[in-house]
């Protein structure tokens, strides 16, 4: 159970960091990339439907998204380390300490 949780946490956290980093790197080449809000939605990336939406971060997109991507990667690593440290030991695999 803990292994599955660690896998899903790693998959989600590192995927988020990768997706934000890709959006960050695309910003200079694709001007439509940004953080868009409107019509009850918040979208990070390219906005295909511009009607009724506006860019939230503007010129602050690059530093804010870089900080969030970094925090997602570091937070995921820290959470996985904590999960691995708290993992219970399986008594079937422990080595006996009796002298021979």
C-alpha atoms as a PDB file:
ATOM      1  CA  UNK A   1       0.000   0.000   0.000  1.00  0.00           C
ATOM      2  CA  UNK A   2       2.773   2.438   0.889  1.00  0.00           C
ATOM      3  CA  UNK A   3       4.645   1.509  -2.298  1.00  0.00           C
ATOM      4  CA  UNK A   4       1.585   2.295  -4.415  1.00  0.00           C
ATOM      5  CA  UNK A   5       1.112   5.596  -2.608  1.00  0.00           C
ATOM      6  CA  UNK A   6       4.773   6.473  -3.160  1.00  0.00           C
ATOM      7  CA  UNK A   7       4.504   5.606  -6.856  1.00  0.00           C
ATOM      8  CA  UNK A   8       1.377   7.726  -7.359  1.00  0.00           C
ATOM      9  CA  UNK A   9       2.829  10.625  -5.377  1.00  0.00           C
ATOM     10  CA  UNK A  10       6.034  10.529  -7.410  1.00  0.00           C
ATOM     11  CA  UNK A  11       4.154  10.259 -10.680  1.00  0.00           C
ATOM     12  CA  UNK A  12       1.862  13.184  -9.856  1.00  0.00           C
ATOM     13  CA  UNK A  13       4.497  15.465  -8.309  1.00  0.00           C
ATOM     14  CA  UNK A  14       7.202  14.974 -10.913  1.00  0.00           C
ATOM     15  CA  UNK A  15       4.673  15.157 -13.782  1.00  0.00           C
ATOM     16  CA  UNK A  16       3.458  18.495 -12.440  1.00  0.00           C
ATOM     17  CA  UNK A  17       7.026  19.806 -12.197  1.00  0.00           C
ATOM     18  CA  UNK A  18       7.800  18.605 -15.741  1.00  0.00           C
ATOM     19  CA  UNK A  19       4.628  20.086 -17.235  1.00  0.00           C
ATOM     20  CA  UNK A  20       5.253  23.461 -15.588  1.00  0.00           C
ATOM     21  CA  UNK A  21       8.876  23.432 -16.763  1.00  0.00           C
ATOM     22  CA  UNK A  22       7.767  22.717 -20.344  1.00  0.00           C
ATOM     23  CA  UNK A  23       5.258  25.590 -20.172  1.00  0.00           C
ATOM     24  CA  UNK A  24       8.023  27.804 -18.792  1.00  0.00           C
ATOM     25  CA  UNK A  25      10.385  26.932 -21.636  1.00  0.00           C
ATOM     26  CA  UNK A  26       7.692  27.439 -24.301  1.00  0.00           C
ATOM     27  CA  UNK A  27       6.732  30.940 -23.100  1.00  0.00           C
ATOM     28  CA  UNK A  28       9.349  32.858 -25.166  1.00  0.00           C
ATOM     29  CA  UNK A  29       8.414  31.009 -28.357  1.00  0.00           C
ATOM     30  CA  UNK A  30       4.625  30.729 -27.981  1.00  0.00           C
ATOM     31  CA  UNK A  31       3.149  34.005 -26.701  1.00  0.00           C
ATOM     32  CA  UNK A  32      -0.208  32.329 -25.946  1.00  0.00           C
ATOM     33  CA  UNK A  33       1.337  30.320 -23.101  1.00  0.00           C
ATOM     34  CA  UNK A  34       0.444  31.692 -19.690  1.00  0.00           C
ATOM     35  CA  UNK A  35      -1.854  31.319 -16.708  1.00  0.00           C
ATOM     36  CA  UNK A  36      -5.348  32.026 -17.947  1.00  0.00           C
ATOM     37  CA  UNK A  37      -8.439  32.647 -15.819  1.00  0.00           C
ATOM     38  CA  UNK A  38     -12.038  33.081 -16.834  1.00  0.00           C
ATOM     39  CA  UNK A  39     -15.353  31.276 -17.185  1.00  0.00           C
ATOM     40  CA  UNK A  40     -14.744  29.493 -13.872  1.00  0.00           C
ATOM     41  CA  UNK A  41     -11.502  27.846 -15.017  1.00  0.00           C
ATOM     42  CA  UNK A  42      -7.801  28.317 -14.314  1.00  0.00           C
ATOM     43  CA  UNK A  43      -5.473  27.065 -17.047  1.00  0.00           C
ATOM     44  CA  UNK A  44      -1.679  26.980 -17.181  1.00  0.00           C
ATOM     45  CA  UNK A  45      -0.441  26.532 -20.728  1.00  0.00           C
ATOM     46  CA  UNK A  46      -1.658  27.569 -24.160  1.00  0.00           C
ATOM     47  CA  UNK A  47      -5.183  28.947 -24.280  1.00  0.00           C
ATOM     48  CA  UNK A  48      -7.067  28.020 -27.441  1.00  0.00           C
ATOM     49  CA  UNK A  49     -10.289  29.828 -26.469  1.00  0.00           C
ATOM     50  CA  UNK A  50      -9.355  33.417 -25.610  1.00  0.00           C
ATOM     51  CA  UNK A  51     -12.945  34.693 -25.361  1.00  0.00           C
ATOM     52  CA  UNK A  52     -13.772  35.720 -21.797  1.00  0.00           C
ATOM     53  CA  UNK A  53     -10.337  34.878 -20.365  1.00  0.00           C
ATOM     54  CA  UNK A  54      -7.396  36.972 -19.266  1.00  0.00           C
ATOM     55  CA  UNK A  55      -3.791  36.201 -18.374  1.00  0.00           C
ATOM     56  CA  UNK A  56      -3.309  36.310 -14.615  1.00  0.00           C
ATOM     57  CA  UNK A  57       0.481  36.527 -14.215  1.00  0.00           C
ATOM     58  CA  UNK A  58       1.549  38.520 -17.278  1.00  0.00           C
ATOM     59  CA  UNK A  59       5.280  39.287 -17.108  1.00  0.00           C
ATOM     60  CA  UNK A  60       5.532  37.402 -13.791  1.00  0.00           C
ATOM     61  CA  UNK A  61       4.706  34.061 -15.464  1.00  0.00           C
ATOM     62  CA  UNK A  62       8.322  32.915 -15.822  1.00  0.00           C
ATOM     63  CA  UNK A  63       9.554  33.546 -12.251  1.00  0.00           C
ATOM     64  CA  UNK A  64       6.345  32.371 -10.551  1.00  0.00           C
ATOM     65  CA  UNK A  65       6.004  29.172 -12.596  1.00  0.00           C
ATOM     66  CA  UNK A  66       9.730  28.438 -12.182  1.00  0.00           C
ATOM     67  CA  UNK A  67       9.336  28.749  -8.410  1.00  0.00           C
ATOM     68  CA  UNK A  68       6.231  26.521  -8.380  1.00  0.00           C
ATOM     69  CA  UNK A  69       7.929  23.871 -10.574  1.00  0.00           C
ATOM     70  CA  UNK A  70      10.991  23.874  -8.317  1.00  0.00           C
ATOM     71  CA  UNK A  71       8.809  23.633  -5.196  1.00  0.00           C
ATOM     72  CA  UNK A  72       6.838  20.737  -6.729  1.00  0.00           C
ATOM     73  CA  UNK A  73      10.018  18.782  -7.497  1.00  0.00           C
ATOM     74  CA  UNK A  74      11.619  19.444  -4.097  1.00  0.00           C
ATOM     75  CA  UNK A  75       8.353  18.788  -2.256  1.00  0.00           C
ATOM     76  CA  UNK A  76       7.834  15.505  -4.078  1.00  0.00           C
ATOM     77  CA  UNK A  77      11.368  14.385  -3.286  1.00  0.00           C
ATOM     78  CA  UNK A  78      10.955  15.286   0.379  1.00  0.00           C
ATOM     79  CA  UNK A  79       7.593  13.525   0.626  1.00  0.00           C
ATOM     80  CA  UNK A  80       8.985  10.371  -1.002  1.00  0.00           C
ATOM     81  CA  UNK A  81      11.962  10.357   1.362  1.00  0.00           C
ATOM     82  CA  UNK A  82       9.610  10.715   4.314  1.00  0.00           C
ATOM     83  CA  UNK A  83       7.444   7.848   3.050  1.00  0.00           C
ATOM     84  CA  UNK A  84      10.460   5.609   2.591  1.00  0.00           C
ATOM     85  CA  UNK A  85      11.813   6.459   6.057  1.00  0.00           C
ATOM     86  CA  UNK A  86       8.492   5.655   7.756  1.00  0.00           C
ATOM     87  CA  UNK A  87       8.055   2.329   5.923  1.00  0.00           C
ATOM     88  CA  UNK A  88       7.546  -0.580   8.338  1.00  0.00           C
ATOM     89  CA  UNK A  89      10.081  -3.387   8.158  1.00  0.00           C
ATOM     90  CA  UNK A  90       8.927  -6.796   7.001  1.00  0.00           C
ATOM     91  CA  UNK A  91       9.991  -9.352   9.645  1.00  0.00           C
ATOM     92  CA  UNK A  92      10.279 -12.088   7.001  1.00  0.00           C
ATOM     93  CA  UNK A  93      13.337 -10.376   5.500  1.00  0.00           C
ATOM     94  CA  UNK A  94      15.198  -9.480   8.679  1.00  0.00           C
ATOM     95  CA  UNK A  95      18.526 -11.192   9.314  1.00  0.00           C
ATOM     96  CA  UNK A  96      18.860 -13.109  12.520  1.00  0.00           C
ATOM     97  CA  UNK A  97      21.357 -11.630  15.005  1.00  0.00           C
ATOM     98  CA  UNK A  98      22.202 -14.933  16.757  1.00  0.00           C
ATOM     99  CA  UNK A  99      25.949 -15.776  16.865  1.00  0.00           C
ATOM    100  CA  UNK A 100      27.093 -18.935  15.109  1.00  0.00           C
END
